[in-house]
Amino acid sequence: MVKKTLKPNYRALWLAPTATVLVSCTGKSATPNIITIAAYGVFSSSPLLLGIAIGVNQYSLRLIKETGDFVVNVPSHEQAHIADLCGSFSGRRINKFSEFNLTPGRSIKVKSPYIVECPINIECTLWKSVNCGNHELLLGEIQMVHVDEEILSEDGMIEPSKFNPLVSFQSEYWSLGKRINKWHYTVKS
């Protein structure tokens, strides 16, 4: 295999696919907002932490810091248009819930609403914020999870064949694709 060396640039951030999520938040007195994030990941299983990176000048970052919570909403691949809209306009100027016909759901553990139309909603409290240059890494402790029943299997787990999440890869939206196998399958066979 021949490797080519490339100079790192903005697109190098998305050399590996990541989930595209819609983060909903609200300030102490502000209208709820939604921001599209392609910098999302799992960080700890004890405590249950996920992470999102938000630009330091983003309106949503200020709102999250005011209330200390946010909701990570996982859209399906069929909701790429909604993700694109929510990532293309500032919540300083428009109410994205009403403008894009999205329904704010009443969260159980946090002040920020969730997006009813997204198949998965993860309520988080802000566990830690880390300045990383022009972005801030927000670690959220998972407090509650909502999942559409139609994507669950009989045993209550998310059925991948019923849910195809939206993925970001090289500054483009992609669907997840097909299953290869479970983790550790090569070790057990």
C-alpha atoms as a PDB file:
ATOM      1  CA  MET A   1       0.000   0.000   0.000  1.00  0.00           C
ATOM      2  CA  VAL A   2       1.381   3.397  -0.999  1.00  0.00           C
ATOM      3  CA  LYS A   3       0.628   6.340   1.300  1.00  0.00           C
ATOM      4  CA  LYS A   4       0.409   9.943   0.231  1.00  0.00           C
ATOM      5  CA  THR A   5       1.237  12.617   2.797  1.00  0.00           C
ATOM      6  CA  LEU A   6      -1.271  15.465   2.932  1.00  0.00           C
ATOM      7  CA  LYS A   7      -0.918  18.788   4.689  1.00  0.00           C
ATOM      8  CA  PRO A   8      -3.569  19.071   7.469  1.00  0.00           C
ATOM      9  CA  ASN A   9      -6.403  21.487   6.754  1.00  0.00           C
ATOM     10  CA  TYR A  10     -10.011  22.092   7.758  1.00  0.00           C
ATOM     11  CA  ARG A  11     -11.236  19.031   5.834  1.00  0.00           C
ATOM     12  CA  ALA A  12      -8.779  16.831   7.765  1.00  0.00           C
ATOM     13  CA  LEU A  13     -11.145  17.122  10.732  1.00  0.00           C
ATOM     14  CA  TRP A  14     -13.606  14.862   8.904  1.00  0.00           C
ATOM     15  CA  LEU A  15     -11.330  12.118   7.591  1.00  0.00           C
ATOM     16  CA  ALA A  16     -13.377   9.685   9.655  1.00  0.00           C
ATOM     17  CA  PRO A  17     -17.203   9.783   9.758  1.00  0.00           C
ATOM     18  CA  THR A  18     -19.026  11.134  12.800  1.00  0.00           C
ATOM     19  CA  ALA A  19     -22.664  11.273  13.757  1.00  0.00           C
ATOM     20  CA  THR A  20     -24.396  14.499  12.805  1.00  0.00           C
ATOM     21  CA  VAL A  21     -26.542  15.698  15.691  1.00  0.00           C
ATOM     22  CA  LEU A  22     -28.902  18.570  16.341  1.00  0.00           C
ATOM     23  CA  VAL A  23     -28.271  20.132  19.738  1.00  0.00           C
ATOM     24  CA  SER A  24     -31.212  21.938  21.286  1.00  0.00           C
ATOM     25  CA  CYS A  25     -30.690  24.398  24.084  1.00  0.00           C
ATOM     26  CA  THR A  26     -32.227  27.386  25.803  1.00  0.00           C
ATOM     27  CA  GLY A  27     -30.922  30.266  27.842  1.00  0.00           C
ATOM     28  CA  LYS A  28     -32.442  31.579  31.045  1.00  0.00           C
ATOM     29  CA  SER A  29     -34.733  33.945  29.147  1.00  0.00           C
ATOM     30  CA  ALA A  30     -34.085  33.104  25.496  1.00  0.00           C
ATOM     31  CA  THR A  31     -36.128  31.318  22.865  1.00  0.00           C
ATOM     32  CA  PRO A  32     -34.961  27.703  22.508  1.00  0.00           C
ATOM     33  CA  ASN A  33     -32.384  27.178  19.778  1.00  0.00           C
ATOM     34  CA  ILE A  34     -31.006  24.350  17.628  1.00  0.00           C
ATOM     35  CA  ILE A  35     -27.461  23.996  16.283  1.00  0.00           C
ATOM     36  CA  THR A  36     -26.169  21.309  13.913  1.00  0.00           C
ATOM     37  CA  ILE A  37     -22.989  19.632  15.169  1.00  0.00           C
ATOM     38  CA  ALA A  38     -20.705  17.251  13.267  1.00  0.00           C
ATOM     39  CA  ALA A  39     -18.204  17.064  16.137  1.00  0.00           C
ATOM     40  CA  TYR A  40     -19.831  14.521  18.468  1.00  0.00           C
ATOM     41  CA  GLY A  41     -18.525  11.547  20.372  1.00  0.00           C
ATOM     42  CA  VAL A  42     -18.797   9.162  23.308  1.00  0.00           C
ATOM     43  CA  PHE A  43     -16.327   9.936  26.103  1.00  0.00           C
ATOM     44  CA  SER A  44     -17.058   7.849  29.209  1.00  0.00           C
ATOM     45  CA  SER A  45     -19.322   5.059  30.409  1.00  0.00           C
ATOM     46  CA  SER A  46     -18.890   5.973  34.095  1.00  0.00           C
ATOM     47  CA  PRO A  47     -20.083   8.669  34.361  1.00  0.00           C
ATOM     48  CA  LEU A  48     -22.101   8.509  31.132  1.00  0.00           C
ATOM     49  CA  LEU A  49     -20.508  11.317  29.120  1.00  0.00           C
ATOM     50  CA  LEU A  50     -20.835  12.423  25.534  1.00  0.00           C
ATOM     51  CA  GLY A  51     -19.081  15.354  23.935  1.00  0.00           C
ATOM     52  CA  ILE A  52     -19.867  18.019  21.390  1.00  0.00           C
ATOM     53  CA  ALA A  53     -17.645  20.786  20.049  1.00  0.00           C
ATOM     54  CA  ILE A  54     -19.165  24.220  19.432  1.00  0.00           C
ATOM     55  CA  GLY A  55     -17.493  27.299  17.975  1.00  0.00           C
ATOM     56  CA  VAL A  56     -16.600  29.821  20.683  1.00  0.00           C
ATOM     57  CA  ASN A  57     -18.677  32.570  19.025  1.00  0.00           C
ATOM     58  CA  GLN A  58     -21.808  30.455  18.555  1.00  0.00           C
ATOM     59  CA  TYR A  59     -25.056  31.685  20.080  1.00  0.00           C
ATOM     60  CA  SER A  60     -25.860  28.166  21.330  1.00  0.00           C
ATOM     61  CA  LEU A  61     -22.680  28.018  23.407  1.00  0.00           C
ATOM     62  CA  ARG A  62     -23.812  31.052  25.398  1.00  0.00           C
ATOM     63  CA  LEU A  63     -27.262  29.521  25.967  1.00  0.00           C
ATOM     64  CA  ILE A  64     -25.837  26.189  27.132  1.00  0.00           C
ATOM     65  CA  LYS A  65     -23.523  27.917  29.597  1.00  0.00           C
ATOM     66  CA  GLU A  66     -26.459  29.950  30.980  1.00  0.00           C
ATOM     67  CA  THR A  67     -28.618  26.936  31.809  1.00  0.00           C
ATOM     68  CA  GLY A  68     -25.938  24.264  32.166  1.00  0.00           C
ATOM     69  CA  ASP A  69     -27.781  21.767  29.971  1.00  0.00           C
ATOM     70  CA  PHE A  70     -28.551  20.723  26.385  1.00  0.00           C
ATOM     71  CA  VAL A  71     -30.202  17.929  24.431  1.00  0.00           C
ATOM     72  CA  VAL A  72     -28.443  15.914  21.722  1.00  0.00           C
ATOM     73  CA  ASN A  73     -31.024  14.966  19.089  1.00  0.00           C
ATOM     74  CA  VAL A  74     -29.997  12.256  16.619  1.00  0.00           C
ATOM     75  CA  PRO A  75     -31.643  12.714  13.209  1.00  0.00           C
ATOM     76  CA  SER A  76     -32.195  10.001  10.632  1.00  0.00           C
ATOM     77  CA  HIS A  77     -30.491  10.207   7.249  1.00  0.00           C
ATOM     78  CA  GLU A  78     -33.842  11.370   5.871  1.00  0.00           C
ATOM     79  CA  GLN A  79     -33.546  14.547   7.974  1.00  0.00           C
ATOM     80  CA  ALA A  80     -30.412  15.905   6.260  1.00  0.00           C
ATOM     81  CA  HIS A  81     -32.387  18.912   5.004  1.00  0.00           C
ATOM     82  CA  ILE A  82     -33.422  19.847   8.562  1.00  0.00           C
ATOM     83  CA  ALA A  83     -29.827  19.423   9.779  1.00  0.00           C
ATOM     84  CA  ASP A  84     -28.617  21.641   6.951  1.00  0.00           C
ATOM     85  CA  LEU A  85     -31.225  24.334   7.716  1.00  0.00           C
ATOM     86  CA  CYS A  86     -30.439  24.333  11.449  1.00  0.00           C
ATOM     87  CA  GLY A  87     -26.730  24.647  10.687  1.00  0.00           C
ATOM     88  CA  SER A  88     -27.124  27.430   8.119  1.00  0.00           C
ATOM     89  CA  PHE A  89     -29.018  30.071  10.089  1.00  0.00           C
ATOM     90  CA  SER A  90     -28.328  31.722  13.432  1.00  0.00           C
ATOM     91  CA  GLY A  91     -30.752  31.385  16.319  1.00  0.00           C
ATOM     92  CA  ARG A  92     -29.934  35.007  17.148  1.00  0.00           C
ATOM     93  CA  ARG A  93     -32.122  35.985  14.191  1.00  0.00           C
ATOM     94  CA  ILE A  94     -34.798  33.277  13.873  1.00  0.00           C
ATOM     95  CA  ASN A  95     -36.687  30.750  15.978  1.00  0.00           C
ATOM     96  CA  LYS A  96     -35.596  27.498  14.313  1.00  0.00           C
ATOM     97  CA  PHE A  97     -38.339  25.440  15.978  1.00  0.00           C
ATOM     98  CA  SER A  98     -41.140  27.536  14.461  1.00  0.00           C
ATOM     99  CA  GLU A  99     -39.324  28.493  11.240  1.00  0.00           C
ATOM    100  CA  PHE A 100     -38.537  24.860  10.324  1.00  0.00           C
ATOM    101  CA  ASN A 101     -41.770  23.305  11.717  1.00  0.00           C
ATOM    102  CA  LEU A 102     -40.041  21.389  14.516  1.00  0.00           C
ATOM    103  CA  THR A 103     -41.773  20.513  17.768  1.00  0.00           C
ATOM    104  CA  PRO A 104     -40.088  21.304  21.105  1.00  0.00           C
ATOM    105  CA  GLY A 105     -40.664  18.379  23.481  1.00  0.00           C
ATOM    106  CA  ARG A 106     -40.709  18.861  27.242  1.00  0.00           C
ATOM    107  CA  SER A 107     -37.554  17.323  28.673  1.00  0.00           C
ATOM    108  CA  ILE A 108     -37.759  15.488  31.988  1.00  0.00           C
ATOM    109  CA  LYS A 109     -34.375  16.252  33.605  1.00  0.00           C
ATOM    110  CA  VAL A 110     -33.184  19.441  31.855  1.00  0.00           C
ATOM    111  CA  LYS A 111     -34.619  22.844  30.933  1.00  0.00           C
ATOM    112  CA  SER A 112     -33.705  22.602  27.222  1.00  0.00           C
ATOM    113  CA  PRO A 113     -36.397  21.061  24.998  1.00  0.00           C
ATOM    114  CA  TYR A 114     -35.811  18.075  22.752  1.00  0.00           C
ATOM    115  CA  ILE A 115     -36.809  17.843  19.071  1.00  0.00           C
ATOM    116  CA  VAL A 116     -39.846  15.553  18.823  1.00  0.00           C
ATOM    117  CA  GLU A 117     -39.193  14.753  15.152  1.00  0.00           C
ATOM    118  CA  CYS A 118     -35.727  13.267  15.849  1.00  0.00           C
ATOM    119  CA  PRO A 119     -35.775   9.505  16.571  1.00  0.00           C
ATOM    120  CA  ILE A 120     -33.348   9.777  19.524  1.00  0.00           C
ATOM    121  CA  ASN A 121     -33.068  12.539  22.150  1.00  0.00           C
ATOM    122  CA  ILE A 122     -30.406  12.562  24.870  1.00  0.00           C
ATOM    123  CA  GLU A 123     -30.884  14.989  27.770  1.00  0.00           C
ATOM    124  CA  CYS A 124     -27.546  16.170  29.203  1.00  0.00           C
ATOM    125  CA  THR A 125     -26.298  18.390  31.979  1.00  0.00           C
ATOM    126  CA  LEU A 126     -23.058  20.240  31.328  1.00  0.00           C
ATOM    127  CA  TRP A 127     -20.360  18.234  33.130  1.00  0.00           C
ATOM    128  CA  LYS A 128     -17.317  20.177  31.926  1.00  0.00           C
ATOM    129  CA  SER A 129     -16.334  22.718  29.301  1.00  0.00           C
ATOM    130  CA  VAL A 130     -12.845  22.749  27.779  1.00  0.00           C
ATOM    131  CA  ASN A 131     -11.532  25.559  25.576  1.00  0.00           C
ATOM    132  CA  CYS A 132      -9.890  24.022  22.506  1.00  0.00           C
ATOM    133  CA  GLY A 133      -8.975  27.124  20.515  1.00  0.00           C
ATOM    134  CA  ASN A 134     -11.764  28.282  18.220  1.00  0.00           C
ATOM    135  CA  HIS A 135     -14.106  25.590  19.579  1.00  0.00           C
ATOM    136  CA  GLU A 136     -15.173  24.575  23.037  1.00  0.00           C
ATOM    137  CA  LEU A 137     -15.564  20.908  23.951  1.00  0.00           C
ATOM    138  CA  LEU A 138     -18.679  20.416  26.050  1.00  0.00           C
ATOM    139  CA  LEU A 139     -18.897  17.191  27.998  1.00  0.00           C
ATOM    140  CA  GLY A 140     -22.488  16.374  28.841  1.00  0.00           C
ATOM    141  CA  GLU A 141     -23.586  13.877  31.458  1.00  0.00           C
ATOM    142  CA  ILE A 142     -26.524  11.871  30.144  1.00  0.00           C
ATOM    143  CA  GLN A 143     -29.587  12.291  32.362  1.00  0.00           C
ATOM    144  CA  MET A 144     -32.402  10.825  30.243  1.00  0.00           C
ATOM    145  CA  VAL A 145     -32.841   9.240  26.816  1.00  0.00           C
ATOM    146  CA  HIS A 146     -35.967   9.236  24.623  1.00  0.00           C
ATOM    147  CA  VAL A 147     -36.231   6.826  21.666  1.00  0.00           C
ATOM    148  CA  ASP A 148     -39.053   6.464  19.135  1.00  0.00           C
ATOM    149  CA  GLU A 149     -40.716   3.087  19.698  1.00  0.00           C
ATOM    150  CA  GLU A 150     -40.768   2.397  15.951  1.00  0.00           C
ATOM    151  CA  ILE A 151     -36.951   2.003  15.860  1.00  0.00           C
ATOM    152  CA  LEU A 152     -36.795  -0.388  18.832  1.00  0.00           C
ATOM    153  CA  SER A 153     -36.540  -4.168  18.636  1.00  0.00           C
ATOM    154  CA  GLU A 154     -38.713  -6.435  20.772  1.00  0.00           C
ATOM    155  CA  ASP A 155     -36.032  -6.488  23.503  1.00  0.00           C
ATOM    156  CA  GLY A 156     -36.040  -2.671  23.724  1.00  0.00           C
ATOM    157  CA  MET A 157     -32.758  -2.047  21.890  1.00  0.00           C
ATOM    158  CA  ILE A 158     -32.348   0.245  18.892  1.00  0.00           C
ATOM    159  CA  GLU A 159     -32.741  -1.861  15.755  1.00  0.00           C
ATOM    160  CA  PRO A 160     -30.187  -0.622  13.194  1.00  0.00           C
ATOM    161  CA  SER A 161     -32.303  -1.916  10.299  1.00  0.00           C
ATOM    162  CA  LYS A 162     -35.070   0.463  11.453  1.00  0.00           C
ATOM    163  CA  PHE A 163     -32.875   3.526  12.010  1.00  0.00           C
ATOM    164  CA  ASN A 164     -30.209   4.925   9.731  1.00  0.00           C
ATOM    165  CA  PRO A 165     -28.610   7.970  11.421  1.00  0.00           C
ATOM    166  CA  LEU A 166     -27.212  10.947   9.556  1.00  0.00           C
ATOM    167  CA  VAL A 167     -23.404  10.946   9.336  1.00  0.00           C
ATOM    168  CA  SER A 168     -20.887  13.656   8.397  1.00  0.00           C
ATOM    169  CA  PHE A 169     -17.883  12.613   6.346  1.00  0.00           C
ATOM    170  CA  GLN A 170     -15.510  14.990   4.527  1.00  0.00           C
ATOM    171  CA  SER A 171     -17.922  17.941   4.923  1.00  0.00           C
ATOM    172  CA  GLU A 172     -20.774  15.927   3.358  1.00  0.00           C
ATOM    173  CA  TYR A 173     -23.885  14.190   4.730  1.00  0.00           C
ATOM    174  CA  TRP A 174     -23.982  10.400   4.411  1.00  0.00           C
ATOM    175  CA  SER A 175     -26.170   7.584   5.631  1.00  0.00           C
ATOM    176  CA  LEU A 176     -24.553   5.007   7.887  1.00  0.00           C
ATOM    177  CA  GLY A 177     -24.636   2.049   5.533  1.00  0.00           C
ATOM    178  CA  LYS A 178     -24.787  -1.631   6.422  1.00  0.00           C
ATOM    179  CA  ARG A 179     -23.704  -3.698   9.429  1.00  0.00           C
ATOM    180  CA  ILE A 180     -20.434  -5.609   9.206  1.00  0.00           C
ATOM    181  CA  ASN A 181     -20.484  -7.448  12.547  1.00  0.00           C
ATOM    182  CA  LYS A 182     -20.391  -6.937  16.325  1.00  0.00           C
ATOM    183  CA  TRP A 183     -17.321  -5.667  18.183  1.00  0.00           C
ATOM    184  CA  HIS A 184     -14.740  -8.391  18.946  1.00  0.00           C
ATOM    185  CA  TYR A 185     -16.209 -10.720  16.282  1.00  0.00           C
ATOM    186  CA  THR A 186     -12.768 -11.562  14.869  1.00  0.00           C
ATOM    187  CA  VAL A 187     -11.462 -12.536  18.302  1.00  0.00           C
ATOM    188  CA  LYS A 188     -14.379 -14.849  19.079  1.00  0.00           C
ATOM    189  CA  SER A 189     -14.480 -16.680  15.748  1.00  0.00           C
END
